[in-house]
PDB file of N, CA and C in Angstrom:
ATOM      1  N   UNK A   1      86.834 136.970  91.055  1.00  0.00           N
ATOM      2  CA  UNK A   1      86.726 136.198  92.276  1.00  0.00           C
ATOM      3  C   UNK A   1      87.713 135.028  92.209  1.00  0.00           C
ATOM      4  N   UNK A   2      88.376 134.770  93.312  1.00  0.00           N
ATOM      5  CA  UNK A   2      89.369 133.699  93.388  1.00  0.00           C
ATOM      6  C   UNK A   2      88.679 132.333  93.272  1.00  0.00           C
ATOM      7  N   UNK A   3      89.385 131.368  92.693  1.00  0.00           N
ATOM      8  CA  UNK A   3      88.861 130.017  92.500  1.00  0.00           C
ATOM      9  C   UNK A   3      89.756 129.031  93.235  1.00  0.00           C
ATOM     10  N   UNK A   4      89.120 128.083  93.942  1.00  0.00           N
ATOM     11  CA  UNK A   4      89.879 127.053  94.659  1.00  0.00           C
ATOM     12  C   UNK A   4      89.198 125.708  94.452  1.00  0.00           C
ATOM     13  N   UNK A   5      90.000 124.683  94.199  1.00  0.00           N
ATOM     14  CA  UNK A   5      89.512 123.315  94.059  1.00  0.00           C
ATOM     15  C   UNK A   5      89.804 122.551  95.340  1.00  0.00           C
ATOM     16  N   UNK A   6      88.849 121.771  95.803  1.00  0.00           N
ATOM     17  CA  UNK A   6      89.115 120.871  96.919  1.00  0.00           C
ATOM     18  C   UNK A   6      89.918 119.679  96.386  1.00  0.00           C
ATOM     19  N   UNK A   7      90.478 118.914  97.301  1.00  0.00           N
ATOM     20  CA  UNK A   7      91.214 117.713  96.897  1.00  0.00           C
ATOM     21  C   UNK A   7      90.303 116.750  96.139  1.00  0.00           C
ATOM     22  N   UNK A   8      89.066 116.630  96.596  1.00  0.00           N
ATOM     23  CA  UNK A   8      88.126 115.746  95.915  1.00  0.00           C
ATOM     24  C   UNK A   8      87.904 116.193  94.471  1.00  0.00           C
ATOM     25  N   UNK A   9      87.714 117.487  94.259  1.00  0.00           N
ATOM     26  CA  UNK A   9      87.472 117.995  92.909  1.00  0.00           C
ATOM     27  C   UNK A   9      88.679 117.738  92.005  1.00  0.00           C
ATOM     28  N   UNK A  10      89.866 117.942  92.524  1.00  0.00           N
ATOM     29  CA  UNK A  10      91.073 117.665  91.723  1.00  0.00           C
ATOM     30  C   UNK A  10      91.166 116.193  91.375  1.00  0.00           C
ATOM     31  N   UNK A  11      90.849 115.343  92.338  1.00  0.00           N
ATOM     32  CA  UNK A  11      90.874 113.906  92.094  1.00  0.00           C
ATOM     33  C   UNK A  11      89.820 113.514  91.053  1.00  0.00           C
ATOM     34  N   UNK A  12      88.620 114.071  91.181  1.00  0.00           N
ATOM     35  CA  UNK A  12      87.558 113.813  90.197  1.00  0.00           C
ATOM     36  C   UNK A  12      88.037 114.175  88.793  1.00  0.00           C
ATOM     37  N   UNK A  13      88.672 115.321  88.678  1.00  0.00           N
ATOM     38  CA  UNK A  13      89.144 115.807  87.383  1.00  0.00           C
ATOM     39  C   UNK A  13      90.224 114.890  86.814  1.00  0.00           C
ATOM     40  N   UNK A  14      91.165 114.486  87.649  1.00  0.00           N
ATOM     41  CA  UNK A  14      92.240 113.586  87.204  1.00  0.00           C
ATOM     42  C   UNK A  14      91.699 112.252  86.719  1.00  0.00           C
ATOM     43  N   UNK A  15      90.781 111.675  87.484  1.00  0.00           N
ATOM     44  CA  UNK A  15      90.209 110.374  87.112  1.00  0.00           C
ATOM     45  C   UNK A  15      89.464 110.470  85.788  1.00  0.00           C
ATOM     46  N   UNK A  16      88.636 111.503  85.638  1.00  0.00           N
ATOM     47  CA  UNK A  16      87.860 111.656  84.400  1.00  0.00           C
ATOM     48  C   UNK A  16      88.782 111.900  83.205  1.00  0.00           C
ATOM     49  N   UNK A  17      89.790 112.758  83.384  1.00  0.00           N
ATOM     50  CA  UNK A  17      90.731 113.022  82.300  1.00  0.00           C
ATOM     51  C   UNK A  17      91.394 111.729  81.845  1.00  0.00           C
ATOM     52  N   UNK A  18      91.901 110.948  82.773  1.00  0.00           N
ATOM     53  CA  UNK A  18      92.585 109.701  82.423  1.00  0.00           C
ATOM     54  C   UNK A  18      91.648 108.733  81.722  1.00  0.00           C
ATOM     55  N   UNK A  19      90.394 108.639  82.214  1.00  0.00           N
ATOM     56  CA  UNK A  19      89.448 107.716  81.600  1.00  0.00           C
ATOM     57  C   UNK A  19      89.163 108.123  80.154  1.00  0.00           C
ATOM     58  N   UNK A  20      88.885 109.408  79.921  1.00  0.00           N
ATOM     59  CA  UNK A  20      88.598 109.867  78.556  1.00  0.00           C
ATOM     60  C   UNK A  20      89.830 109.737  77.663  1.00  0.00           C
ATOM     61  N   UNK A  21      90.983 109.980  78.194  1.00  0.00           N
ATOM     62  CA  UNK A  21      92.210 109.871  77.398  1.00  0.00           C
ATOM     63  C   UNK A  21      92.464 108.409  77.019  1.00  0.00           C
ATOM     64  N   UNK A  22      92.100 107.467  77.897  1.00  0.00           N
ATOM     65  CA  UNK A  22      92.218 106.041  77.582  1.00  0.00           C
ATOM     66  C   UNK A  22      91.243 105.623  76.490  1.00  0.00           C
ATOM     67  N   UNK A  23      90.104 106.304  76.413  1.00  0.00           N
ATOM     68  CA  UNK A  23      89.112 105.971  75.399  1.00  0.00           C
ATOM     69  C   UNK A  23      89.567 106.398  74.004  1.00  0.00           C
ATOM     70  N   UNK A  24      90.133 107.592  73.935  1.00  0.00           N
ATOM     71  CA  UNK A  24      90.652 108.104  72.664  1.00  0.00           C
ATOM     72  C   UNK A  24      91.657 109.205  72.977  1.00  0.00           C
ATOM     73  N   UNK A  25      92.810 109.095  72.390  1.00  0.00           N
ATOM     74  CA  UNK A  25      93.843 110.102  72.607  1.00  0.00           C
ATOM     75  C   UNK A  25      93.316 111.482  72.225  1.00  0.00           C
ATOM     76  N   UNK A  26      93.463 112.419  73.130  1.00  0.00           N
ATOM     77  CA  UNK A  26      92.994 113.784  72.908  1.00  0.00           C
ATOM     78  C   UNK A  26      91.631 114.065  73.503  1.00  0.00           C
ATOM     79  N   UNK A  27      90.840 113.010  73.763  1.00  0.00           N
ATOM     80  CA  UNK A  27      89.500 113.218  74.313  1.00  0.00           C
ATOM     81  C   UNK A  27      89.570 113.774  75.739  1.00  0.00           C
ATOM     82  N   UNK A  28      90.582 113.387  76.480  1.00  0.00           N
ATOM     83  CA  UNK A  28      90.761 113.931  77.825  1.00  0.00           C
ATOM     84  C   UNK A  28      90.958 115.434  77.791  1.00  0.00           C
ATOM     85  N   UNK A  29      91.708 115.905  76.796  1.00  0.00           N
ATOM     86  CA  UNK A  29      91.929 117.349  76.669  1.00  0.00           C
ATOM     87  C   UNK A  29      90.663 118.068  76.221  1.00  0.00           C
ATOM     88  N   UNK A  30      89.844 117.416  75.395  1.00  0.00           N
ATOM     89  CA  UNK A  30      88.556 118.000  75.017  1.00  0.00           C
ATOM     90  C   UNK A  30      87.668 118.131  76.253  1.00  0.00           C
ATOM     91  N   UNK A  31      87.714 117.111  77.111  1.00  0.00           N
ATOM     92  CA  UNK A  31      86.964 117.167  78.365  1.00  0.00           C
ATOM     93  C   UNK A  31      87.435 118.348  79.220  1.00  0.00           C
ATOM     94  N   UNK A  32      88.750 118.494  79.374  1.00  0.00           N
ATOM     95  CA  UNK A  32      89.285 119.605  80.167  1.00  0.00           C
ATOM     96  C   UNK A  32      88.876 120.954  79.594  1.00  0.00           C
ATOM     97  N   UNK A  33      88.849 121.075  78.266  1.00  0.00           N
ATOM     98  CA  UNK A  33      88.414 122.333  77.634  1.00  0.00           C
ATOM     99  C   UNK A  33      86.968 122.659  78.002  1.00  0.00           C
ATOM    100  N   UNK A  34      86.112 121.643  78.007  1.00  0.00           N
ATOM    101  CA  UNK A  34      84.703 121.866  78.349  1.00  0.00           C
ATOM    102  C   UNK A  34      84.541 122.212  79.829  1.00  0.00           C
ATOM    103  N   UNK A  35      85.324 121.565  80.682  1.00  0.00           N
ATOM    104  CA  UNK A  35      85.281 121.902  82.107  1.00  0.00           C
ATOM    105  C   UNK A  35      85.760 123.340  82.303  1.00  0.00           C
ATOM    106  N   UNK A  36      86.832 123.712  81.613  1.00  0.00           N
ATOM    107  CA  UNK A  36      87.357 125.072  81.726  1.00  0.00           C
ATOM    108  C   UNK A  36      86.324 126.103  81.281  1.00  0.00           C
ATOM    109  N   UNK A  37      85.586 125.815  80.217  1.00  0.00           N
ATOM    110  CA  UNK A  37      84.549 126.740  79.753  1.00  0.00           C
ATOM    111  C   UNK A  37      83.459 126.903  80.816  1.00  0.00           C
ATOM    112  N   UNK A  38      83.079 125.808  81.467  1.00  0.00           N
ATOM    113  CA  UNK A  38      82.071 125.889  82.532  1.00  0.00           C
ATOM    114  C   UNK A  38      82.605 126.676  83.722  1.00  0.00           C
ATOM    115  N   UNK A  39      83.865 126.465  84.074  1.00  0.00           N
ATOM    116  CA  UNK A  39      84.481 127.190  85.185  1.00  0.00           C
ATOM    117  C   UNK A  39      84.536 128.691  84.879  1.00  0.00           C
ATOM    118  N   UNK A  40      84.878 129.042  83.648  1.00  0.00           N
ATOM    119  CA  UNK A  40      84.911 130.455  83.262  1.00  0.00           C
ATOM    120  C   UNK A  40      83.532 131.087  83.399  1.00  0.00           C
ATOM    121  N   UNK A  41      82.502 130.343  83.015  1.00  0.00           N
ATOM    122  CA  UNK A  41      81.136 130.843  83.154  1.00  0.00           C
ATOM    123  C   UNK A  41      80.780 131.038  84.625  1.00  0.00           C
ATOM    124  N   UNK A  42      81.190 130.093  85.461  1.00  0.00           N
ATOM    125  CA  UNK A  42      80.943 130.215  86.898  1.00  0.00           C
ATOM    126  C   UNK A  42      81.648 131.454  87.449  1.00  0.00           C
ATOM    127  N   UNK A  43      82.885 131.672  87.036  1.00  0.00           N
ATOM    128  CA  UNK A  43      83.639 132.826  87.539  1.00  0.00           C
ATOM    129  C   UNK A  43      83.015 134.151  87.112  1.00  0.00           C
ATOM    130  N   UNK A  44      82.484 134.198  85.891  1.00  0.00           N
ATOM    131  CA  UNK A  44      81.872 135.437  85.399  1.00  0.00           C
ATOM    132  C   UNK A  44      80.551 135.729  86.092  1.00  0.00           C
ATOM    133  N   UNK A  45      79.754 134.670  86.308  1.00  0.00           N
ATOM    134  CA  UNK A  45      78.414 134.832  86.888  1.00  0.00           C
ATOM    135  C   UNK A  45      78.161 133.729  87.911  1.00  0.00           C
ATOM    136  N   UNK A  46      78.810 133.779  89.055  1.00  0.00           N
ATOM    137  CA  UNK A  46      78.697 132.678  90.021  1.00  0.00           C
ATOM    138  C   UNK A  46      77.290 132.430  90.557  1.00  0.00           C
ATOM    139  N   UNK A  47      76.454 133.441  90.570  1.00  0.00           N
ATOM    140  CA  UNK A  47      75.098 133.265  91.102  1.00  0.00           C
ATOM    141  C   UNK A  47      74.088 132.857  90.029  1.00  0.00           C
ATOM    142  N   UNK A  48      74.561 132.669  88.808  1.00  0.00           N
ATOM    143  CA  UNK A  48      73.683 132.265  87.712  1.00  0.00           C
ATOM    144  C   UNK A  48      73.115 130.869  87.927  1.00  0.00           C
ATOM    145  N   UNK A  49      73.916 129.995  88.495  1.00  0.00           N
ATOM    146  CA  UNK A  49      73.530 128.593  88.639  1.00  0.00           C
ATOM    147  C   UNK A  49      72.807 128.374  89.965  1.00  0.00           C
ATOM    148  N   UNK A  50      71.713 127.656  89.879  1.00  0.00           N
ATOM    149  CA  UNK A  50      70.869 127.429  91.050  1.00  0.00           C
ATOM    150  C   UNK A  50      71.507 126.425  92.005  1.00  0.00           C
ATOM    151  N   UNK A  51      71.091 126.531  93.251  1.00  0.00           N
ATOM    152  CA  UNK A  51      71.509 125.538  94.241  1.00  0.00           C
ATOM    153  C   UNK A  51      70.700 124.276  93.960  1.00  0.00           C
ATOM    154  N   UNK A  52      71.408 123.185  93.703  1.00  0.00           N
ATOM    155  CA  UNK A  52      70.760 121.946  93.295  1.00  0.00           C
ATOM    156  C   UNK A  52      70.841 120.846  94.345  1.00  0.00           C
ATOM    157  N   UNK A  53      71.850 120.879  95.172  1.00  0.00           N
ATOM    158  CA  UNK A  53      72.044 119.809  96.144  1.00  0.00           C
ATOM    159  C   UNK A  53      72.596 120.412  97.421  1.00  0.00           C
ATOM    160  N   UNK A  54      71.873 120.200  98.507  1.00  0.00           N
ATOM    161  CA  UNK A  54      72.310 120.716  99.799  1.00  0.00           C
ATOM    162  C   UNK A  54      72.532 122.228  99.667  1.00  0.00           C
ATOM    163  N   UNK A  55      73.733 122.708  99.801  1.00  0.00           N
ATOM    164  CA  UNK A  55      74.023 124.142  99.643  1.00  0.00           C
ATOM    165  C   UNK A  55      74.961 124.400  98.461  1.00  0.00           C
ATOM    166  N   UNK A  56      75.088 123.408  97.563  1.00  0.00           N
ATOM    167  CA  UNK A  56      75.989 123.505  96.415  1.00  0.00           C
ATOM    168  C   UNK A  56      75.251 123.981  95.173  1.00  0.00           C
ATOM    169  N   UNK A  57      75.860 124.918  94.468  1.00  0.00           N
ATOM    170  CA  UNK A  57      75.352 125.294  93.142  1.00  0.00           C
ATOM    171  C   UNK A  57      75.898 124.288  92.149  1.00  0.00           C
ATOM    172  N   UNK A  58      75.195 124.146  91.037  1.00  0.00           N
ATOM    173  CA  UNK A  58      75.571 123.125  90.055  1.00  0.00           C
ATOM    174  C   UNK A  58      75.590 123.719  88.648  1.00  0.00           C
ATOM    175  N   UNK A  59      76.718 123.506  87.958  1.00  0.00           N
ATOM    176  CA  UNK A  59      76.835 123.897  86.554  1.00  0.00           C
ATOM    177  C   UNK A  59      77.106 122.641  85.741  1.00  0.00           C
ATOM    178  N   UNK A  60      76.414 122.500  84.629  1.00  0.00           N
ATOM    179  CA  UNK A  60      76.635 121.343  83.755  1.00  0.00           C
ATOM    180  C   UNK A  60      77.819 121.601  82.838  1.00  0.00           C
ATOM    181  N   UNK A  61      78.531 120.526  82.516  1.00  0.00           N
ATOM    182  CA  UNK A  61      79.649 120.586  81.574  1.00  0.00           C
ATOM    183  C   UNK A  61      79.115 120.211  80.198  1.00  0.00           C
ATOM    184  N   UNK A  62      79.368 121.060  79.229  1.00  0.00           N
ATOM    185  CA  UNK A  62      78.911 120.832  77.851  1.00  0.00           C
ATOM    186  C   UNK A  62      79.586 119.581  77.276  1.00  0.00           C
ATOM    187  N   UNK A  63      78.816 118.771  76.517  1.00  0.00           N
ATOM    188  CA  UNK A  63      79.296 117.591  75.787  1.00  0.00           C
ATOM    189  C   UNK A  63      79.588 116.374  76.645  1.00  0.00           C
ATOM    190  N   UNK A  64      79.783 116.536  77.925  1.00  0.00           N
ATOM    191  CA  UNK A  64      80.163 115.423  78.783  1.00  0.00           C
ATOM    192  C   UNK A  64      79.176 115.326  79.945  1.00  0.00           C
ATOM    193  N   UNK A  65      78.902 114.108  80.426  1.00  0.00           N
ATOM    194  CA  UNK A  65      77.883 113.943  81.479  1.00  0.00           C
ATOM    195  C   UNK A  65      78.425 114.262  82.879  1.00  0.00           C
ATOM    196  N   UNK A  66      78.876 115.485  83.075  1.00  0.00           N
ATOM    197  CA  UNK A  66      79.462 115.905  84.337  1.00  0.00           C
ATOM    198  C   UNK A  66      78.819 117.194  84.822  1.00  0.00           C
ATOM    199  N   UNK A  67      78.813 117.339  86.150  1.00  0.00           N
ATOM    200  CA  UNK A  67      78.350 118.562  86.800  1.00  0.00           C
ATOM    201  C   UNK A  67      79.463 119.069  87.701  1.00  0.00           C
ATOM    202  N   UNK A  68      79.541 120.388  87.811  1.00  0.00           N
ATOM    203  CA  UNK A  68      80.492 121.016  88.720  1.00  0.00           C
ATOM    204  C   UNK A  68      79.692 121.544  89.900  1.00  0.00           C
ATOM    205  N   UNK A  69      80.012 121.049  91.092  1.00  0.00           N
ATOM    206  CA  UNK A  69      79.357 121.489  92.312  1.00  0.00           C
ATOM    207  C   UNK A  69      80.290 122.448  93.043  1.00  0.00           C
ATOM    208  N   UNK A  70      79.760 123.629  93.378  1.00  0.00           N
ATOM    209  CA  UNK A  70      80.597 124.650  93.986  1.00  0.00           C
ATOM    210  C   UNK A  70      79.803 125.481  94.987  1.00  0.00           C
ATOM    211  N   UNK A  71      80.538 126.197  95.807  1.00  0.00           N
ATOM    212  CA  UNK A  71      79.938 127.157  96.733  1.00  0.00           C
ATOM    213  C   UNK A  71      80.645 128.495  96.569  1.00  0.00           C
ATOM    214  N   UNK A  72      79.951 129.540  96.962  1.00  0.00           N
ATOM    215  CA  UNK A  72      80.538 130.880  96.980  1.00  0.00           C
ATOM    216  C   UNK A  72      80.787 131.212  98.442  1.00  0.00           C
ATOM    217  N   UNK A  73      82.046 131.384  98.783  1.00  0.00           N
ATOM    218  CA  UNK A  73      82.435 131.635 100.171  1.00  0.00           C
ATOM    219  C   UNK A  73      83.269 132.905 100.240  1.00  0.00           C
ATOM    220  N   UNK A  74      82.698 133.915 100.874  1.00  0.00           N
ATOM    221  CA  UNK A  74      83.347 135.221 101.003  1.00  0.00           C
ATOM    222  C   UNK A  74      83.862 135.698  99.654  1.00  0.00           C
ATOM    223  N   UNK A  75      85.168 135.693  99.456  1.00  0.00           N
ATOM    224  CA  UNK A  75      85.745 136.225  98.210  1.00  0.00           C
ATOM    225  C   UNK A  75      86.305 135.136  97.309  1.00  0.00           C
ATOM    226  N   UNK A  76      85.774 133.911  97.416  1.00  0.00           N
ATOM    227  CA  UNK A  76      86.266 132.845  96.544  1.00  0.00           C
ATOM    228  C   UNK A  76      85.149 131.883  96.175  1.00  0.00           C
ATOM    229  N   UNK A  77      85.361 131.237  95.052  1.00  0.00           N
ATOM    230  CA  UNK A  77      84.487 130.164  94.596  1.00  0.00           C
ATOM    231  C   UNK A  77      85.231 128.876  94.903  1.00  0.00           C
ATOM    232  N   UNK A  78      84.561 127.967  95.601  1.00  0.00           N
ATOM    233  CA  UNK A  78      85.187 126.694  95.949  1.00  0.00           C
ATOM    234  C   UNK A  78      84.507 125.587  95.150  1.00  0.00           C
ATOM    235  N   UNK A  79      85.289 124.907  94.302  1.00  0.00           N
ATOM    236  CA  UNK A  79      84.789 123.774  93.526  1.00  0.00           C
ATOM    237  C   UNK A  79      84.964 122.536  94.406  1.00  0.00           C
ATOM    238  N   UNK A  80      83.837 121.921  94.762  1.00  0.00           N
ATOM    239  CA  UNK A  80      83.857 120.777  95.676  1.00  0.00           C
ATOM    240  C   UNK A  80      83.892 119.444  94.946  1.00  0.00           C
ATOM    241  N   UNK A  81      83.322 119.383  93.758  1.00  0.00           N
ATOM    242  CA  UNK A  81      83.298 118.117  93.021  1.00  0.00           C
ATOM    243  C   UNK A  81      83.065 118.379  91.541  1.00  0.00           C
ATOM    244  N   UNK A  82      83.657 117.525  90.743  1.00  0.00           N
ATOM    245  CA  UNK A  82      83.354 117.462  89.313  1.00  0.00           C
ATOM    246  C   UNK A  82      82.765 116.073  89.146  1.00  0.00           C
ATOM    247  N   UNK A  83      81.452 116.041  89.206  1.00  0.00           N
ATOM    248  CA  UNK A  83      80.702 114.811  89.423  1.00  0.00           C
ATOM    249  C   UNK A  83      80.243 114.185  88.116  1.00  0.00           C
ATOM    250  N   UNK A  84      80.541 112.910  87.959  1.00  0.00           N
ATOM    251  CA  UNK A  84      80.057 112.134  86.819  1.00  0.00           C
ATOM    252  C   UNK A  84      78.583 111.844  87.067  1.00  0.00           C
ATOM    253  N   UNK A  85      77.708 112.386  86.249  1.00  0.00           N
ATOM    254  CA  UNK A  85      76.266 112.261  86.457  1.00  0.00           C
ATOM    255  C   UNK A  85      75.758 110.830  86.338  1.00  0.00           C
ATOM    256  N   UNK A  86      76.603 109.927  85.855  1.00  0.00           N
ATOM    257  CA  UNK A  86      76.199 108.527  85.747  1.00  0.00           C
ATOM    258  C   UNK A  86      76.417 107.773  87.057  1.00  0.00           C
ATOM    259  N   UNK A  87      77.032 108.416  88.031  1.00  0.00           N
ATOM    260  CA  UNK A  87      77.261 107.789  89.326  1.00  0.00           C
ATOM    261  C   UNK A  87      75.992 107.799  90.171  1.00  0.00           C
ATOM    262  N   UNK A  88      76.027 106.999  91.211  1.00  0.00           N
ATOM    263  CA  UNK A  88      74.937 106.967  92.180  1.00  0.00           C
ATOM    264  C   UNK A  88      74.878 108.333  92.867  1.00  0.00           C
ATOM    265  N   UNK A  89      73.710 108.981  92.887  1.00  0.00           N
ATOM    266  CA  UNK A  89      73.598 110.296  93.511  1.00  0.00           C
ATOM    267  C   UNK A  89      73.971 110.309  95.001  1.00  0.00           C
ATOM    268  N   UNK A  90      74.018 109.164  95.617  1.00  0.00           N
ATOM    269  CA  UNK A  90      74.438 109.077  97.019  1.00  0.00           C
ATOM    270  C   UNK A  90      75.858 109.597  97.167  1.00  0.00           C
ATOM    271  N   UNK A  91      76.651 109.543  96.096  1.00  0.00           N
ATOM    272  CA  UNK A  91      78.041 109.989  96.138  1.00  0.00           C
ATOM    273  C   UNK A  91      78.197 111.496  95.935  1.00  0.00           C
ATOM    274  N   UNK A  92      77.095 112.217  95.796  1.00  0.00           N
ATOM    275  CA  UNK A  92      77.188 113.678  95.658  1.00  0.00           C
ATOM    276  C   UNK A  92      77.900 114.261  96.867  1.00  0.00           C
ATOM    277  N   UNK A  93      78.559 115.404  96.673  1.00  0.00           N
ATOM    278  CA  UNK A  93      79.291 115.992  97.814  1.00  0.00           C
ATOM    279  C   UNK A  93      78.381 116.375  98.964  1.00  0.00           C
TER     280      UNK A  93
END
């Protein structure tokens, strides 16, 4: 199934990567590896993850306090947000 990121999701990913990389060199790449593993799991079994907010399914990112919010639309998976779970839930997509 095809995968597409919204602009918000790309921005979320960039901000988190930069923040982790500022904390320790290489940590940003470890974060990206964990996000990639979660995305691969979503692609293999997109219906595995329950709908948690509105109409978005949610997958947790291993090791980091982030969730991936996505929808399944026709023949593609759309990643709407890579959400820092420490944020105010009002900011959910």
